[in-house]
Amino acid sequence: MLIDKVNKVLSDFIKARLSPQFSITSIKKDGNNWTATADVFEDSSFIQSVGLKTNAKDKNMYAFQLDDSLELTGFEKINS
């Protein structure tokens, strides 16, 4: 299934660049391209800024765009 390939591309990218803890929440075909969103659990920026050592995580939502060759063409954090 093609959607399984999209899921793998996204999973590999998120693990390598953002965090090993995530959940892909949507994948949609949009014309010839694909769009997706994921909840990514990242180290808390506030906790890091005050220098505390905890396992606190922030849940951030990201949006991703892939072309018809399943090449990731863009991503952005969509919450702050």
N, C-alpha and C. Protein backbone atom coordinates (compact mmCIF):
# COMPACT_ATOMS: atom_id res chain seq x y z
N MET A 1 0.83 -1.19 0.00
CA MET A 1 0.00 0.00 0.00
C MET A 1 0.87 1.25 0.00
N LEU A 2 0.49 2.22 -0.78
CA LEU A 2 1.24 3.46 -0.87
C LEU A 2 1.23 4.24 0.44
N ILE A 3 0.11 4.21 1.15
CA ILE A 3 0.03 4.95 2.40
C ILE A 3 1.03 4.41 3.43
N ASP A 4 1.35 3.12 3.36
CA ASP A 4 2.36 2.55 4.25
C ASP A 4 3.74 3.14 3.95
N LYS A 5 4.01 3.40 2.67
CA LYS A 5 5.28 4.02 2.29
C LYS A 5 5.35 5.46 2.79
N VAL A 6 4.24 6.19 2.69
CA VAL A 6 4.18 7.56 3.21
C VAL A 6 4.43 7.53 4.72
N ASN A 7 3.79 6.62 5.41
CA ASN A 7 3.97 6.49 6.86
C ASN A 7 5.43 6.23 7.20
N LYS A 8 6.11 5.37 6.44
CA LYS A 8 7.51 5.05 6.72
C LYS A 8 8.41 6.27 6.49
N VAL A 9 8.19 6.99 5.39
CA VAL A 9 8.98 8.20 5.11
C VAL A 9 8.83 9.20 6.25
N LEU A 10 7.59 9.43 6.67
CA LEU A 10 7.34 10.37 7.77
C LEU A 10 7.98 9.89 9.07
N SER A 11 7.79 8.63 9.39
CA SER A 11 8.33 8.08 10.63
C SER A 11 9.85 8.20 10.67
N ASP A 12 10.50 7.85 9.57
CA ASP A 12 11.96 7.94 9.52
C ASP A 12 12.43 9.38 9.71
N PHE A 13 11.76 10.32 9.06
CA PHE A 13 12.13 11.74 9.17
C PHE A 13 11.93 12.24 10.61
N ILE A 14 10.77 11.97 11.19
CA ILE A 14 10.48 12.47 12.54
C ILE A 14 11.47 11.89 13.55
N LYS A 15 11.74 10.59 13.47
CA LYS A 15 12.70 9.96 14.39
C LYS A 15 14.08 10.58 14.26
N ALA A 16 14.52 10.84 13.04
CA ALA A 16 15.87 11.36 12.80
C ALA A 16 16.01 12.84 13.13
N ARG A 17 14.96 13.62 12.92
CA ARG A 17 15.09 15.08 13.03
C ARG A 17 14.39 15.72 14.23
N LEU A 18 13.34 15.08 14.73
CA LEU A 18 12.54 15.75 15.76
C LEU A 18 12.55 15.01 17.09
N SER A 19 12.05 13.78 17.13
CA SER A 19 11.93 13.05 18.39
C SER A 19 11.56 11.60 18.11
N PRO A 20 12.04 10.69 18.95
CA PRO A 20 11.63 9.30 18.78
C PRO A 20 10.20 9.03 19.28
N GLN A 21 9.62 9.99 19.98
CA GLN A 21 8.26 9.83 20.51
C GLN A 21 7.30 10.69 19.68
N PHE A 22 6.41 10.03 18.95
CA PHE A 22 5.48 10.76 18.09
C PHE A 22 4.31 9.86 17.73
N SER A 23 3.28 10.50 17.20
CA SER A 23 2.12 9.78 16.70
C SER A 23 1.64 10.49 15.44
N ILE A 24 1.64 9.79 14.32
CA ILE A 24 1.12 10.37 13.09
C ILE A 24 -0.40 10.36 13.20
N THR A 25 -1.00 11.54 13.06
CA THR A 25 -2.43 11.66 13.29
C THR A 25 -3.26 11.74 12.01
N SER A 26 -2.63 12.08 10.88
CA SER A 26 -3.38 12.06 9.63
C SER A 26 -2.42 11.97 8.45
N ILE A 27 -2.89 11.31 7.40
CA ILE A 27 -2.20 11.26 6.11
C ILE A 27 -3.29 11.35 5.05
N LYS A 28 -3.14 12.33 4.14
CA LYS A 28 -4.15 12.53 3.09
C LYS A 28 -3.49 12.77 1.75
N LYS A 29 -4.07 12.22 0.73
CA LYS A 29 -3.63 12.49 -0.64
C LYS A 29 -4.33 13.77 -1.07
N ASP A 30 -3.55 14.73 -1.58
CA ASP A 30 -4.06 16.03 -1.99
C ASP A 30 -3.64 16.27 -3.44
N GLY A 31 -4.46 15.84 -4.38
CA GLY A 31 -4.06 15.89 -5.79
C GLY A 31 -2.96 14.88 -6.03
N ASN A 32 -1.81 15.34 -6.52
CA ASN A 32 -0.66 14.46 -6.72
C ASN A 32 0.24 14.42 -5.50
N ASN A 33 -0.03 15.25 -4.50
CA ASN A 33 0.82 15.36 -3.33
C ASN A 33 0.15 14.74 -2.11
N TRP A 34 0.90 14.69 -1.02
CA TRP A 34 0.41 14.16 0.25
C TRP A 34 0.58 15.21 1.33
N THR A 35 -0.37 15.25 2.27
CA THR A 35 -0.24 16.08 3.47
C THR A 35 -0.43 15.17 4.68
N ALA A 36 0.22 15.55 5.77
CA ALA A 36 0.13 14.74 6.98
C ALA A 36 0.33 15.63 8.20
N THR A 37 -0.16 15.15 9.34
CA THR A 37 0.10 15.81 10.62
C THR A 37 0.57 14.76 11.62
N ALA A 38 1.31 15.24 12.62
CA ALA A 38 1.80 14.34 13.66
C ALA A 38 1.93 15.10 14.97
N ASP A 39 1.62 14.42 16.06
CA ASP A 39 1.92 14.92 17.40
C ASP A 39 3.31 14.42 17.75
N VAL A 40 4.20 15.35 18.08
CA VAL A 40 5.59 15.01 18.39
C VAL A 40 5.88 15.44 19.82
N PHE A 41 6.38 14.51 20.60
CA PHE A 41 6.68 14.78 22.01
C PHE A 41 8.16 15.13 22.13
N GLU A 42 8.42 16.43 22.41
CA GLU A 42 9.78 16.96 22.46
C GLU A 42 10.10 17.43 23.87
N ASP A 43 11.39 17.46 24.20
CA ASP A 43 11.79 17.97 25.51
C ASP A 43 11.20 19.36 25.71
N SER A 44 10.71 19.61 26.91
CA SER A 44 10.05 20.88 27.21
C SER A 44 11.04 22.04 27.10
N SER A 45 10.73 23.00 26.25
CA SER A 45 11.61 24.16 26.08
C SER A 45 11.66 25.01 27.35
N PHE A 46 10.54 25.08 28.08
CA PHE A 46 10.53 25.85 29.32
C PHE A 46 11.45 25.19 30.36
N ILE A 47 11.33 23.90 30.53
CA ILE A 47 12.15 23.18 31.50
C ILE A 47 13.63 23.33 31.14
N GLN A 48 13.96 23.25 29.86
CA GLN A 48 15.34 23.42 29.44
C GLN A 48 15.83 24.84 29.72
N SER A 49 14.95 25.84 29.52
CA SER A 49 15.37 27.23 29.71
C SER A 49 15.70 27.56 31.16
N VAL A 50 15.07 26.86 32.11
CA VAL A 50 15.39 27.10 33.52
C VAL A 50 16.43 26.12 34.05
N GLY A 51 16.90 25.22 33.18
CA GLY A 51 18.00 24.35 33.53
C GLY A 51 17.65 23.15 34.40
N LEU A 52 16.39 22.76 34.45
CA LEU A 52 16.00 21.61 35.26
C LEU A 52 16.22 20.32 34.49
N LYS A 53 16.51 19.27 35.21
CA LYS A 53 16.70 17.95 34.60
C LYS A 53 15.47 17.10 34.91
N THR A 54 14.57 17.01 33.93
CA THR A 54 13.38 16.16 34.08
C THR A 54 13.09 15.51 32.73
N ASN A 55 12.14 14.63 32.73
CA ASN A 55 11.71 14.00 31.48
C ASN A 55 10.45 14.66 30.93
N ALA A 56 10.18 15.89 31.34
CA ALA A 56 8.98 16.59 30.89
C ALA A 56 9.02 16.80 29.38
N LYS A 57 7.91 16.54 28.74
CA LYS A 57 7.80 16.65 27.28
C LYS A 57 6.67 17.61 26.92
N ASP A 58 6.86 18.34 25.83
CA ASP A 58 5.81 19.14 25.23
C ASP A 58 5.26 18.37 24.05
N LYS A 59 3.93 18.41 23.88
CA LYS A 59 3.32 17.80 22.70
C LYS A 59 3.14 18.90 21.67
N ASN A 60 3.84 18.78 20.55
CA ASN A 60 3.76 19.76 19.48
C ASN A 60 3.18 19.10 18.24
N MET A 61 2.36 19.84 17.51
CA MET A 61 1.77 19.32 16.29
C MET A 61 2.54 19.89 15.10
N TYR A 62 2.86 19.01 14.16
CA TYR A 62 3.57 19.39 12.95
C TYR A 62 2.73 19.00 11.73
N ALA A 63 2.88 19.79 10.67
CA ALA A 63 2.28 19.49 9.37
C ALA A 63 3.40 19.18 8.39
N PHE A 64 3.16 18.22 7.50
CA PHE A 64 4.16 17.78 6.54
C PHE A 64 3.56 17.76 5.14
N GLN A 65 4.41 18.03 4.15
CA GLN A 65 4.00 17.94 2.75
C GLN A 65 4.99 17.03 2.03
N LEU A 66 4.47 16.14 1.21
CA LEU A 66 5.29 15.25 0.40
C LEU A 66 4.80 15.34 -1.04
N ASP A 67 5.75 15.22 -1.99
CA ASP A 67 5.35 15.24 -3.39
C ASP A 67 4.92 13.85 -3.84
N ASP A 68 4.58 13.71 -5.12
CA ASP A 68 4.09 12.42 -5.61
C ASP A 68 5.15 11.34 -5.65
N SER A 69 6.44 11.73 -5.49
CA SER A 69 7.54 10.76 -5.40
C SER A 69 7.85 10.40 -3.94
N LEU A 70 7.00 10.87 -3.03
CA LEU A 70 7.14 10.67 -1.59
C LEU A 70 8.39 11.33 -1.02
N GLU A 71 8.83 12.40 -1.68
CA GLU A 71 9.93 13.22 -1.18
C GLU A 71 9.32 14.28 -0.25
N LEU A 72 9.86 14.41 0.95
CA LEU A 72 9.37 15.41 1.89
C LEU A 72 9.74 16.79 1.35
N THR A 73 8.74 17.62 1.09
CA THR A 73 8.99 18.94 0.50
C THR A 73 8.84 20.07 1.49
N GLY A 74 8.29 19.79 2.68
CA GLY A 74 8.17 20.82 3.69
C GLY A 74 7.52 20.31 4.95
N PHE A 75 7.82 21.01 6.05
CA PHE A 75 7.15 20.71 7.31
C PHE A 75 7.18 21.96 8.17
N GLU A 76 6.23 22.05 9.10
CA GLU A 76 6.20 23.19 10.01
C GLU A 76 5.47 22.80 11.30
N LYS A 77 5.89 23.46 12.39
CA LYS A 77 5.18 23.29 13.65
C LYS A 77 3.93 24.16 13.55
N ILE A 78 2.77 23.59 13.86
CA ILE A 78 1.53 24.35 13.68
C ILE A 78 0.88 24.74 15.01
N ASN A 79 1.61 24.54 16.10
CA ASN A 79 1.17 25.08 17.38
C ASN A 79 2.39 25.61 18.10
N SER A 80 2.17 26.43 19.10
CA SER A 80 3.32 26.97 19.84
C SER A 80 3.07 26.91 21.34
